[in-house]
Amino acid sequence: MHKTAKRVATVGAVVAGALALAAPIASATEQGGVSRTCNDSACSTPPTWFPGGTLSVDADVHGSGPAEWVVRGPGGVVCRTGFAAENGPASWVCRNVPAGELEAVVAGPAGPSNIGLRW
């Protein structure tokens, strides 16, 4: 009887450990993204479904002077920032973005331009 109880406890511990390791994998957020490069000084991504959470925005324009990117969702603007066009390609992070269909736009003084979203 004592050996059976030990075996059951050991098997239970192994199963619990395996479930604990598998849980983070099962709950991991789906990775994805979208990007677009345009010859003009403004560029936008096609609408894409975002599962919610942290969003990375990549943008680049040419020339010198002010530039801006904007991410819009179902409720309007979810994040935006201005930057200097001469700084070159850069990335920013938007946190707590709600799930939904998003579109990103970048505009600067000269093309080509690029805008991308990653998660």
C-alpha atoms as a PDB file:
ATOM      1  CA  MET A   1       0.000   0.000   0.000  1.00  0.00           C
ATOM      2  CA  HIS A   2       2.825   2.371   0.848  1.00  0.00           C
ATOM      3  CA  LYS A   3       4.500   1.836  -2.601  1.00  0.00           C
ATOM      4  CA  THR A   4       1.224   2.541  -4.398  1.00  0.00           C
ATOM      5  CA  ALA A   5       0.751   5.806  -2.547  1.00  0.00           C
ATOM      6  CA  LYS A   6       4.308   6.878  -3.442  1.00  0.00           C
ATOM      7  CA  ARG A   7       3.740   6.014  -7.111  1.00  0.00           C
ATOM      8  CA  VAL A   8       0.472   7.965  -7.215  1.00  0.00           C
ATOM      9  CA  ALA A   9       2.149  10.958  -5.559  1.00  0.00           C
ATOM     10  CA  THR A  10       5.089  10.792  -7.992  1.00  0.00           C
ATOM     11  CA  VAL A  11       2.840  10.528 -11.042  1.00  0.00           C
ATOM     12  CA  GLY A  12       0.708  13.396  -9.717  1.00  0.00           C
ATOM     13  CA  ALA A  13       3.778  15.571  -9.217  1.00  0.00           C
ATOM     14  CA  VAL A  14       5.052  14.830 -12.730  1.00  0.00           C
ATOM     15  CA  VAL A  15       1.668  15.622 -14.295  1.00  0.00           C
ATOM     16  CA  ALA A  16       1.318  18.835 -12.274  1.00  0.00           C
ATOM     17  CA  GLY A  17       4.834  19.894 -13.297  1.00  0.00           C
ATOM     18  CA  ALA A  18       4.113  19.207 -16.963  1.00  0.00           C
ATOM     19  CA  LEU A  19       0.882  21.216 -16.807  1.00  0.00           C
ATOM     20  CA  ALA A  20       2.670  24.107 -15.116  1.00  0.00           C
ATOM     21  CA  LEU A  21       5.257  24.177 -17.915  1.00  0.00           C
ATOM     22  CA  ALA A  22       2.639  23.913 -20.645  1.00  0.00           C
ATOM     23  CA  ALA A  23       0.384  26.658 -19.243  1.00  0.00           C
ATOM     24  CA  PRO A  24       2.565  29.612 -20.334  1.00  0.00           C
ATOM     25  CA  ILE A  25       2.838  28.151 -23.829  1.00  0.00           C
ATOM     26  CA  ALA A  26      -0.913  27.718 -24.113  1.00  0.00           C
ATOM     27  CA  SER A  27      -1.602  31.285 -22.969  1.00  0.00           C
ATOM     28  CA  ALA A  28       1.097  32.952 -25.074  1.00  0.00           C
ATOM     29  CA  THR A  29      -0.146  35.786 -27.280  1.00  0.00           C
ATOM     30  CA  GLU A  30      -0.310  35.158 -30.991  1.00  0.00           C
ATOM     31  CA  GLN A  31       2.544  36.887 -32.785  1.00  0.00           C
ATOM     32  CA  GLY A  32       1.932  38.808 -35.947  1.00  0.00           C
ATOM     33  CA  GLY A  33       2.309  42.063 -37.732  1.00  0.00           C
ATOM     34  CA  VAL A  34       1.927  44.069 -40.881  1.00  0.00           C
ATOM     35  CA  SER A  35       4.107  46.608 -42.702  1.00  0.00           C
ATOM     36  CA  ARG A  36       4.148  48.655 -45.840  1.00  0.00           C
ATOM     37  CA  THR A  37       6.706  50.691 -47.778  1.00  0.00           C
ATOM     38  CA  CYS A  38       5.582  53.495 -50.095  1.00  0.00           C
ATOM     39  CA  ASN A  39       7.425  55.741 -52.549  1.00  0.00           C
ATOM     40  CA  ASP A  40       5.566  58.793 -51.236  1.00  0.00           C
ATOM     41  CA  SER A  41       6.100  60.798 -48.051  1.00  0.00           C
ATOM     42  CA  ALA A  42       2.998  59.205 -46.478  1.00  0.00           C
ATOM     43  CA  CYS A  43       2.217  55.531 -46.077  1.00  0.00           C
ATOM     44  CA  SER A  44      -0.409  53.403 -44.330  1.00  0.00           C
ATOM     45  CA  THR A  45      -0.825  49.761 -43.448  1.00  0.00           C
ATOM     46  CA  PRO A  46      -3.855  47.798 -44.515  1.00  0.00           C
ATOM     47  CA  PRO A  47      -6.324  47.220 -41.674  1.00  0.00           C
ATOM     48  CA  THR A  48      -5.270  44.225 -39.595  1.00  0.00           C
ATOM     49  CA  TRP A  49      -6.676  42.369 -36.572  1.00  0.00           C
ATOM     50  CA  PHE A  50      -4.721  42.918 -33.342  1.00  0.00           C
ATOM     51  CA  PRO A  51      -5.382  40.603 -30.347  1.00  0.00           C
ATOM     52  CA  GLY A  52      -4.748  43.364 -27.774  1.00  0.00           C
ATOM     53  CA  GLY A  53      -1.841  44.148 -25.438  1.00  0.00           C
ATOM     54  CA  THR A  54       1.571  45.546 -26.335  1.00  0.00           C
ATOM     55  CA  LEU A  55       2.119  46.840 -29.854  1.00  0.00           C
ATOM     56  CA  SER A  56       5.427  47.808 -31.480  1.00  0.00           C
ATOM     57  CA  VAL A  57       5.393  50.515 -34.148  1.00  0.00           C
ATOM     58  CA  ASP A  58       8.241  50.821 -36.687  1.00  0.00           C
ATOM     59  CA  ALA A  59       8.432  53.944 -38.846  1.00  0.00           C
ATOM     60  CA  ASP A  60      10.781  55.660 -41.269  1.00  0.00           C
ATOM     61  CA  VAL A  61      10.543  58.678 -43.563  1.00  0.00           C
ATOM     62  CA  HIS A  62      13.164  60.717 -45.399  1.00  0.00           C
ATOM     63  CA  GLY A  63      14.112  64.369 -45.538  1.00  0.00           C
ATOM     64  CA  SER A  64      14.438  66.694 -42.563  1.00  0.00           C
ATOM     65  CA  GLY A  65      11.778  68.196 -40.389  1.00  0.00           C
ATOM     66  CA  PRO A  66       8.740  66.953 -38.510  1.00  0.00           C
ATOM     67  CA  ALA A  67       7.163  63.567 -39.123  1.00  0.00           C
ATOM     68  CA  GLU A  68       4.413  61.672 -37.314  1.00  0.00           C
ATOM     69  CA  TRP A  69       2.895  58.211 -37.081  1.00  0.00           C
ATOM     70  CA  VAL A  70      -0.623  57.410 -35.854  1.00  0.00           C
ATOM     71  CA  VAL A  71      -2.283  54.082 -35.007  1.00  0.00           C
ATOM     72  CA  ARG A  72      -6.086  54.062 -35.216  1.00  0.00           C
ATOM     73  CA  GLY A  73      -8.468  51.426 -33.917  1.00  0.00           C
ATOM     74  CA  PRO A  74     -12.228  51.029 -33.607  1.00  0.00           C
ATOM     75  CA  GLY A  75     -12.401  53.721 -30.897  1.00  0.00           C
ATOM     76  CA  GLY A  76     -10.178  56.243 -32.701  1.00  0.00           C
ATOM     77  CA  VAL A  77      -6.491  56.985 -32.096  1.00  0.00           C
ATOM     78  CA  VAL A  78      -4.839  54.355 -29.852  1.00  0.00           C
ATOM     79  CA  CYS A  79      -1.337  55.879 -29.952  1.00  0.00           C
ATOM     80  CA  ARG A  80       0.707  58.408 -31.885  1.00  0.00           C
ATOM     81  CA  THR A  81       3.974  60.300 -31.757  1.00  0.00           C
ATOM     82  CA  GLY A  82       5.930  62.908 -33.639  1.00  0.00           C
ATOM     83  CA  PHE A  83       9.593  62.459 -34.527  1.00  0.00           C
ATOM     84  CA  ALA A  84      12.329  64.098 -36.576  1.00  0.00           C
ATOM     85  CA  ALA A  85      12.511  62.683 -40.104  1.00  0.00           C
ATOM     86  CA  GLU A  86      16.292  62.935 -40.128  1.00  0.00           C
ATOM     87  CA  ASN A  87      16.579  60.488 -37.195  1.00  0.00           C
ATOM     88  CA  GLY A  88      16.157  57.475 -39.487  1.00  0.00           C
ATOM     89  CA  PRO A  89      14.196  54.284 -38.810  1.00  0.00           C
ATOM     90  CA  ALA A  90      12.988  53.815 -35.241  1.00  0.00           C
ATOM     91  CA  SER A  91      10.618  51.730 -33.112  1.00  0.00           C
ATOM     92  CA  TRP A  92       8.177  52.686 -30.353  1.00  0.00           C
ATOM     93  CA  VAL A  93       5.975  50.688 -27.973  1.00  0.00           C
ATOM     94  CA  CYS A  94       2.272  51.234 -27.242  1.00  0.00           C
ATOM     95  CA  ARG A  95       0.956  49.425 -24.152  1.00  0.00           C
ATOM     96  CA  ASN A  96      -2.559  48.320 -23.206  1.00  0.00           C
ATOM     97  CA  VAL A  97      -3.873  48.629 -26.754  1.00  0.00           C
ATOM     98  CA  PRO A  98      -7.377  47.095 -26.967  1.00  0.00           C
ATOM     99  CA  ALA A  99      -8.096  44.226 -29.337  1.00  0.00           C
ATOM    100  CA  GLY A 100      -9.565  45.183 -32.680  1.00  0.00           C
ATOM    101  CA  GLU A 101      -8.808  46.143 -36.234  1.00  0.00           C
ATOM    102  CA  LEU A 102      -5.888  48.586 -36.430  1.00  0.00           C
ATOM    103  CA  GLU A 103      -4.433  50.763 -39.157  1.00  0.00           C
ATOM    104  CA  ALA A 104      -1.184  52.745 -38.962  1.00  0.00           C
ATOM    105  CA  VAL A 105      -0.181  55.843 -40.937  1.00  0.00           C
ATOM    106  CA  VAL A 106       3.159  57.634 -41.154  1.00  0.00           C
ATOM    107  CA  ALA A 107       3.743  61.035 -42.791  1.00  0.00           C
ATOM    108  CA  GLY A 108       6.947  62.991 -43.242  1.00  0.00           C
ATOM    109  CA  PRO A 109       8.643  65.584 -45.432  1.00  0.00           C
ATOM    110  CA  ALA A 110       9.897  63.189 -48.149  1.00  0.00           C
ATOM    111  CA  GLY A 111       9.613  59.599 -49.362  1.00  0.00           C
ATOM    112  CA  PRO A 112      10.057  56.783 -49.460  1.00  0.00           C
ATOM    113  CA  SER A 113       8.318  56.001 -46.184  1.00  0.00           C
ATOM    114  CA  ASN A 114       7.673  52.864 -44.157  1.00  0.00           C
ATOM    115  CA  ILE A 115       5.258  51.957 -41.363  1.00  0.00           C
ATOM    116  CA  GLY A 116       4.903  48.644 -39.543  1.00  0.00           C
ATOM    117  CA  LEU A 117       3.106  47.090 -36.596  1.00  0.00           C
ATOM    118  CA  ARG A 118       4.439  44.078 -34.639  1.00  0.00           C
ATOM    119  CA  TRP A 119       3.152  42.027 -31.736  1.00  0.00           C
END
